[in-house]
Protein backbone atom coordinates (compact mmCIF):
# COMPACT_ATOMS: atom_id res chain seq x y z
CA MET A 1 -3.44 -31.65 -18.78
CA ALA A 2 -4.98 -30.89 -15.40
CA LYS A 3 -1.60 -30.00 -13.89
CA SER A 4 -0.80 -27.82 -16.89
CA GLY A 5 -4.08 -25.97 -16.48
CA LEU A 6 -3.44 -25.40 -12.78
CA LEU A 7 0.07 -24.14 -13.52
CA LYS A 8 -1.21 -21.67 -16.10
CA SER A 9 -3.93 -20.53 -13.68
CA SER A 10 -1.35 -20.03 -10.93
CA ILE A 11 0.95 -18.03 -13.23
CA ALA A 12 -2.00 -15.87 -14.38
CA LYS A 13 -2.91 -15.14 -10.76
CA LYS A 14 0.68 -14.20 -9.91
CA VAL A 15 0.87 -11.88 -12.91
CA ALA A 16 -2.45 -10.25 -11.94
CA MET A 17 -1.19 -9.92 -8.37
CA ALA A 18 2.07 -8.33 -9.58
CA LEU A 19 0.34 -5.85 -11.91
CA SER A 20 -2.15 -4.79 -9.23
CA GLY A 21 0.76 -4.29 -6.80
CA LEU A 22 2.64 -2.11 -9.29
CA PHE A 23 -0.53 -0.08 -9.86
CA LEU A 24 -0.92 0.48 -6.11
CA MET A 25 2.68 1.67 -5.92
CA LEU A 26 1.77 4.53 -8.27
CA PHE A 27 -1.01 5.55 -5.91
CA LEU A 28 1.34 5.25 -2.94
CA ALA A 29 3.86 7.58 -4.60
CA GLN A 30 1.16 10.16 -5.35
CA HIS A 31 -0.22 9.88 -1.82
CA PHE A 32 3.28 10.30 -0.38
CA PHE A 33 3.92 13.44 -2.45
CA ILE A 34 0.68 15.09 -1.31
CA ASN A 35 1.19 14.22 2.35
CA MET A 36 4.81 15.38 2.30
CA MET A 37 3.52 18.83 1.31
CA SER A 38 1.94 19.04 4.77
CA VAL A 39 5.45 19.16 6.25
CA PHE A 40 6.52 22.15 4.16
CA SER A 41 3.35 24.21 3.71
CA ALA A 42 -0.13 23.90 5.18
CA ASP A 43 -1.50 26.16 2.43
CA VAL A 44 -0.05 24.06 -0.39
CA PHE A 45 -1.27 20.86 1.26
CA ASN A 46 -4.75 22.33 1.68
CA SER A 47 -4.87 23.48 -1.95
CA ILE A 48 -3.80 20.12 -3.39
CA SER A 49 -6.11 18.17 -1.08
CA HIS A 50 -9.06 20.41 -1.93
CA PHE A 51 -8.43 20.01 -5.66
CA MET A 52 -8.15 16.21 -5.36
CA GLY A 53 -11.20 16.06 -3.10
CA LEU A 54 -13.48 17.87 -5.55
CA ASN A 55 -12.06 16.72 -8.89
CA PRO A 56 -14.72 14.53 -10.59
CA LEU A 57 -12.09 12.44 -12.40
CA VAL A 58 -10.39 11.62 -9.10
CA GLN A 59 -13.58 11.07 -7.14
CA PHE A 60 -15.67 9.07 -9.60
CA VAL A 61 -13.10 7.33 -11.80
CA ILE A 62 -9.67 7.02 -10.14
CA GLN A 63 -10.95 6.50 -6.58
CA PRO A 64 -13.27 3.56 -7.43
CA ILE A 65 -10.52 1.96 -9.54
CA LEU A 66 -8.13 2.36 -6.62
CA ILE A 67 -10.53 0.76 -4.14
CA ILE A 68 -11.15 -2.15 -6.51
CA GLY A 69 -7.38 -2.49 -7.00
CA VAL A 70 -6.77 -2.65 -3.24
CA ILE A 71 -9.49 -5.26 -2.71
CA PHE A 72 -8.31 -7.32 -5.70
CA HIS A 73 -4.65 -7.25 -4.59
CA PHE A 74 -5.38 -8.48 -1.08
CA ILE A 75 -7.88 -11.14 -2.19
CA MET A 76 -5.36 -12.49 -4.69
CA GLY A 77 -2.71 -12.48 -1.96
CA PHE A 78 -4.83 -14.68 0.28
CA VAL A 79 -5.86 -16.93 -2.62
CA LEU A 80 -2.25 -17.48 -3.67
CA ASP A 81 -1.17 -18.13 -0.08
CA ILE A 82 -3.85 -20.79 0.36
CA GLN A 83 -2.97 -22.27 -3.04
CA ASN A 84 0.73 -22.45 -2.16
CA LYS A 85 0.03 -24.15 1.18
CA LYS A 86 -2.14 -26.78 -0.52
CA ALA A 87 0.60 -27.45 -3.07
CA ARG A 88 3.27 -28.16 -0.44
CA PRO A 89 4.18 -31.79 0.17
CA VAL A 90 3.73 -33.19 3.69
CA GLY A 91 7.48 -33.30 4.29
CA TYR A 92 7.72 -29.58 3.66
CA ALA A 93 7.13 -28.96 7.36
CA SER A 94 10.76 -29.83 8.04
CA TYR A 95 11.99 -27.27 5.50
CA ASN A 96 14.14 -24.53 7.05
CA GLY A 97 12.69 -21.48 5.32
CA ALA A 98 14.84 -19.00 7.20
CA ALA A 99 17.95 -20.48 5.63
CA ASN A 100 16.65 -20.06 2.09
CA ALA A 101 14.46 -16.95 2.07
CA SER A 102 14.09 -13.63 3.84
CA TRP A 103 11.51 -13.01 6.55
CA ALA A 104 9.59 -10.73 4.21
CA SER A 105 9.31 -13.34 1.46
CA ARG A 106 8.17 -16.02 3.93
CA ASN A 107 5.64 -13.78 5.65
CA MET A 108 4.10 -11.68 2.90
CA ILE A 109 0.64 -12.75 4.07
CA ILE A 110 1.42 -11.49 7.60
CA SER A 111 2.76 -8.11 6.52
CA GLY A 112 -0.07 -7.86 4.00
CA SER A 113 -2.66 -8.58 6.69
CA VAL A 114 -1.23 -5.88 8.95
CA ILE A 115 -1.21 -3.43 6.04
CA LEU A 116 -4.83 -4.33 5.30
CA ALA A 117 -5.73 -3.62 8.93
CA PHE A 118 -3.88 -0.32 8.63
CA LEU A 119 -5.86 0.55 5.49
CA VAL A 120 -9.11 -0.08 7.37
CA LEU A 121 -7.90 2.34 10.08
CA HIS A 122 -6.78 4.82 7.42
CA PHE A 123 -10.17 4.69 5.69
CA TYR A 124 -11.87 5.15 9.06
CA ASP A 125 -9.65 8.13 9.88
CA PHE A 126 -9.73 9.97 6.57
CA TRP A 127 -11.87 8.53 3.77
CA VAL A 128 -15.11 7.93 5.71
CA PRO A 129 -15.11 11.39 7.38
CA GLU A 130 -14.37 12.95 3.98
CA MET A 131 -17.31 11.14 2.35
CA VAL A 132 -19.61 12.18 5.22
CA TYR A 133 -18.38 15.76 5.06
CA LYS A 134 -18.97 16.08 1.32
CA TYR A 135 -21.98 13.88 0.62
CA VAL A 136 -23.90 13.79 3.92
CA ALA A 137 -23.19 17.16 5.49
CA PHE A 138 -22.88 18.74 1.99
CA ASN A 139 -20.24 21.18 3.19
CA PRO A 140 -17.13 20.76 1.00
CA ALA A 141 -16.39 24.48 0.66
CA ASP A 142 -13.83 24.86 3.47
CA GLU A 143 -10.43 24.79 1.74
CA THR A 144 -8.39 25.12 4.95
CA ARG A 145 -9.58 22.14 6.95
CA TYR A 146 -7.32 19.41 5.50
CA PHE A 147 -4.09 20.24 7.32
CA HIS A 148 -5.83 20.45 10.68
CA GLU A 149 -7.64 17.15 10.10
CA LEU A 150 -4.36 15.44 9.19
CA ALA A 151 -2.44 16.83 12.16
CA GLU A 152 -5.21 15.87 14.59
CA LYS A 153 -4.87 12.20 13.69
CA PHE A 154 -1.28 12.10 14.94
CA VAL A 155 -1.86 13.62 18.38
CA SER A 156 -2.29 10.20 20.00
CA PRO A 157 1.04 8.38 20.54
CA VAL A 158 -0.74 5.02 20.21
CA ARG A 159 -2.29 5.87 16.84
CA THR A 160 0.98 7.40 15.64
CA GLY A 161 2.85 4.26 16.72
CA LEU A 162 0.40 2.03 14.83
CA TYR A 163 0.88 4.09 11.70
CA CYS A 164 4.68 3.90 12.01
CA LEU A 165 4.65 0.13 12.60
CA SER A 166 2.40 -0.36 9.58
CA PHE A 167 4.76 1.61 7.38
CA VAL A 168 7.78 -0.41 8.53
CA LEU A 169 5.94 -3.60 7.54
CA LEU A 170 4.91 -1.91 4.29
CA SER A 171 8.59 -1.35 3.58
CA LEU A 172 9.34 -5.06 4.00
CA HIS A 173 6.28 -5.97 1.94
CA LEU A 174 7.25 -3.63 -0.90
CA ARG A 175 10.87 -4.72 -0.92
CA HIS A 176 10.02 -8.34 -1.63
CA GLY A 177 6.86 -7.63 -3.62
CA PHE A 178 8.52 -5.33 -6.14
CA SER A 179 11.30 -7.82 -6.84
CA SER A 180 8.95 -10.80 -7.17
CA SER A 181 6.63 -8.78 -9.43
CA PHE A 182 9.29 -8.75 -12.15
CA GLN A 183 9.71 -12.50 -11.84
CA SER A 184 5.94 -12.99 -12.07
CA VAL A 185 5.56 -10.97 -15.28
CA GLY A 186 8.70 -12.55 -16.76
CA ALA A 187 10.62 -9.30 -17.14
CA ASN A 188 14.32 -9.93 -17.70
CA ASN A 189 16.19 -7.38 -19.78
CA LYS A 190 18.89 -4.72 -19.48
CA TYR A 191 16.54 -2.51 -17.45
CA THR A 192 15.59 -5.17 -14.90
CA LYS A 193 18.52 -4.57 -12.53
CA GLY A 194 17.92 -0.82 -12.56
CA MET A 195 14.21 -1.24 -11.90
CA LYS A 196 14.90 -3.62 -9.02
CA ASN A 197 17.29 -1.08 -7.52
CA PHE A 198 14.57 1.55 -7.93
CA GLY A 199 12.14 -0.77 -6.15
CA LEU A 200 14.59 -1.22 -3.29
CA TRP A 201 14.99 2.54 -2.83
CA PHE A 202 11.23 3.07 -3.20
CA SER A 203 10.51 0.46 -0.52
CA VAL A 204 12.78 2.33 1.89
CA ILE A 205 12.25 6.01 1.10
CA VAL A 206 8.45 6.11 0.72
CA PRO A 207 7.45 4.11 3.86
CA LEU A 208 10.07 5.86 6.00
CA GLY A 209 8.88 9.15 4.53
CA PHE A 210 5.40 8.36 5.80
CA VAL A 211 6.88 7.55 9.21
CA PHE A 212 8.61 10.93 9.18
CA ILE A 213 5.32 12.69 8.31
CA ALA A 214 3.50 10.96 11.17
CA LEU A 215 6.25 11.78 13.70
CA PHE A 216 6.55 15.35 12.41
CA HIS A 217 2.89 16.07 13.07
CA HIS A 218 2.94 14.20 16.37
CA PHE A 219 5.80 16.25 17.80
CA ASN A 220 4.74 19.57 16.24
CA HIS A 221 1.08 19.56 17.18
């Protein structure tokens, strides 16, 4: 009975982890679309950013849910990693993981930790200044500042390099995470193969798109 309870608890955690990851992918796609606009038109990027920055639904409903989702996803990742390590038999140390699984699948906690560190940097670069600007300085009226603020963050080659490295690891993380999410929720139907292919393309196009955005602003500042 005890083992059955632990198994059910582990499955529930994996499902929750998978669903939170899929939710965060929706945010990532929306974030990618908005940031890509900065490559084509500063005015369009400023307009969208200003609308999102002052929209009450985004600021007071979607944004808190997103933050909670990020925190939940990473906490569950660490919890599951610790749980999996405790469940391994002693002889597992001799297991040749590289021969049976990809680097991404064996090091999700590493790529996830780097991505978490990147998110802290990203919050420091963009979210915190935005909150100070709007709710401390009380000066949210400037609709043209967003493009300049974005471009300024990619002047430094070191900061730009950190962003690019983080997005490469995000690609690896997404590639394995999207596939394993379907296994966790038990999805197996005629659409599964197509969705996995979509996940593969998403894990390549979106992170590399972010790399392109960072490099574009770095070399065109």
